[in-house]
Protein backbone atom coordinates (compact mmCIF):
# COMPACT_ATOMS: atom_id res chain seq x y z
CA UNK A 1 0.06 0.11 0.01
CA UNK A 2 2.94 2.64 0.53
CA UNK A 3 1.61 4.13 3.47
CA UNK A 4 3.64 5.23 6.02
CA UNK A 5 3.30 3.21 9.59
CA UNK A 6 2.82 5.52 12.80
CA UNK A 7 4.83 5.12 15.56
CA UNK A 8 3.02 3.45 19.06
CA UNK A 9 3.68 7.20 20.45
CA UNK A 10 2.01 9.01 17.58
CA UNK A 11 -0.95 6.94 17.67
CA UNK A 12 -1.59 7.33 21.64
CA UNK A 13 -1.26 11.01 20.81
CA UNK A 14 -4.04 10.99 18.44
CA UNK A 15 -6.30 8.57 20.78
CA UNK A 16 -5.39 11.23 23.62
CA UNK A 17 -6.60 14.05 21.03
CA UNK A 18 -9.64 12.10 20.08
CA UNK A 19 -10.50 11.84 24.13
CA UNK A 20 -10.04 15.67 24.75
CA UNK A 21 -12.26 16.72 21.82
CA UNK A 22 -15.04 14.21 22.54
CA UNK A 23 -15.01 15.69 26.26
CA UNK A 24 -15.35 19.53 24.99
CA UNK A 25 -19.09 19.81 24.89
CA UNK A 26 -19.67 18.12 28.20
CA UNK A 27 -16.99 20.24 29.37
CA UNK A 28 -18.69 23.39 27.91
CA UNK A 29 -22.26 22.42 29.50
CA UNK A 30 -20.53 22.19 32.80
CA UNK A 31 -19.03 25.29 32.79
CA UNK A 32 -22.24 27.03 31.57
CA UNK A 33 -24.11 25.23 34.68
CA UNK A 34 -21.32 26.33 36.80
CA UNK A 35 -21.26 30.10 35.74
CA UNK A 36 -25.06 30.23 37.17
CA UNK A 37 -25.56 31.33 40.72
CA UNK A 38 -27.69 29.05 42.58
CA UNK A 39 -27.98 31.22 45.74
CA UNK A 40 -29.28 33.81 43.16
CA UNK A 41 -31.74 30.97 41.98
CA UNK A 42 -32.76 30.10 45.56
CA UNK A 43 -33.62 33.91 46.31
CA UNK A 44 -35.59 34.01 42.74
CA UNK A 45 -37.19 30.93 43.72
CA UNK A 46 -38.68 31.82 46.88
CA UNK A 47 -39.94 34.86 45.55
CA UNK A 48 -41.65 33.67 41.92
CA UNK A 49 -42.02 29.86 42.37
CA UNK A 50 -43.47 29.32 45.93
CA UNK A 51 -46.78 30.08 45.16
CA UNK A 52 -46.91 26.39 43.48
CA UNK A 53 -43.90 24.59 44.05
CA UNK A 54 -42.05 23.35 47.41
CA UNK A 55 -38.86 25.36 46.85
CA UNK A 56 -36.83 24.33 49.99
CA UNK A 57 -36.92 20.50 51.34
CA UNK A 58 -37.95 21.93 54.45
CA UNK A 59 -41.02 23.64 53.05
CA UNK A 60 -43.90 21.20 53.90
CA UNK A 61 -46.89 22.93 53.23
CA UNK A 62 -50.16 22.29 50.98
CA UNK A 63 -49.10 23.11 47.50
CA UNK A 64 -50.94 22.68 44.39
CA UNK A 65 -50.41 19.78 41.91
CA UNK A 66 -46.89 21.33 41.06
CA UNK A 67 -44.38 19.15 41.92
CA UNK A 68 -41.82 19.64 44.58
CA UNK A 69 -38.36 21.54 43.52
CA UNK A 70 -36.76 18.22 44.70
CA UNK A 71 -38.66 15.87 42.34
CA UNK A 72 -37.66 18.46 39.64
CA UNK A 73 -34.42 18.19 40.46
CA UNK A 74 -34.17 14.38 40.49
CA UNK A 75 -35.67 14.41 36.55
CA UNK A 76 -33.04 16.91 35.43
CA UNK A 77 -29.93 16.14 37.40
CA UNK A 78 -27.95 15.21 34.67
CA UNK A 79 -29.05 18.31 32.48
CA UNK A 80 -29.71 21.48 34.25
CA UNK A 81 -29.39 23.25 30.94
CA UNK A 82 -32.59 21.30 29.62
CA UNK A 83 -34.31 22.39 32.75
CA UNK A 84 -33.25 25.90 32.38
CA UNK A 85 -34.35 26.00 28.66
CA UNK A 86 -37.79 24.59 29.67
CA UNK A 87 -38.17 27.46 32.19
CA UNK A 88 -37.80 29.75 29.29
CA UNK A 89 -40.70 28.34 27.49
CA UNK A 90 -43.10 27.46 30.46
CA UNK A 91 -46.58 25.65 30.60
CA UNK A 92 -49.64 27.59 30.23
CA UNK A 93 -50.20 27.51 34.03
CA UNK A 94 -46.63 28.79 34.77
CA UNK A 95 -47.56 32.76 34.33
CA UNK A 96 -43.61 33.39 35.20
CA UNK A 97 -41.71 34.97 32.79
CA UNK A 98 -37.73 34.52 33.29
CA UNK A 99 -34.98 35.91 31.77
CA UNK A 100 -32.23 33.34 30.24
CA UNK A 101 -30.08 34.29 33.30
CA UNK A 102 -32.84 33.76 35.82
CA UNK A 103 -33.50 30.04 34.58
CA UNK A 104 -30.16 29.21 34.71
CA UNK A 105 -29.91 30.31 38.41
CA UNK A 106 -33.12 28.56 39.36
CA UNK A 107 -31.91 25.63 37.49
CA UNK A 108 -28.55 26.11 39.25
CA UNK A 109 -30.59 26.00 42.67
CA UNK A 110 -32.70 23.14 41.55
CA UNK A 111 -29.66 21.05 40.77
CA UNK A 112 -28.43 21.10 44.32
CA UNK A 113 -31.39 19.72 45.62
CA UNK A 114 -30.84 16.55 43.46
CA UNK A 115 -26.58 16.84 44.48
CA UNK A 116 -28.15 16.92 48.31
CA UNK A 117 -30.44 14.22 47.70
CA UNK A 118 -28.06 11.84 46.34
CA UNK A 119 -25.50 12.68 49.33
CA UNK A 120 -28.26 11.84 51.55
CA UNK A 121 -28.87 8.49 50.16
CA UNK A 122 -25.23 7.62 50.17
C-alpha cells in the first residue's frame, strides 16, 4: 500500500486528542452550569415559584399539584441546562416569565437539591 506506519507514540497521542475533543461539549455545558448562581436562584425561586412549588426541602406546606423542586431536581439532575431551557418556554399555568440568566440560576439551585438528595442516599 505504500502508506507510512505511525509510531505507537503518535497513535496514542491521536487517541488522547480524540478523547479530549469528545469531552469538549460536556466541559462547555458544565462550565455554563457552573456560571449560574445557585444562591440567586434560590432567592428568585422563593420570590417567584413558591406560590405553586415546594422550593426547599424544609417546606412542607400544602401546595398545588405542581411538583416540588426536589422531584424536578431528580428528573433533570444530569442536565440542568435542559431544565433552564424548559423554564424559558413555560407551561400554560406557569405565568412567570424569566430571563435566560434567571432560568439558569433557578436551574442551578434546583440542581443543588438533586446533589443533596444523592448525598443523603450515600
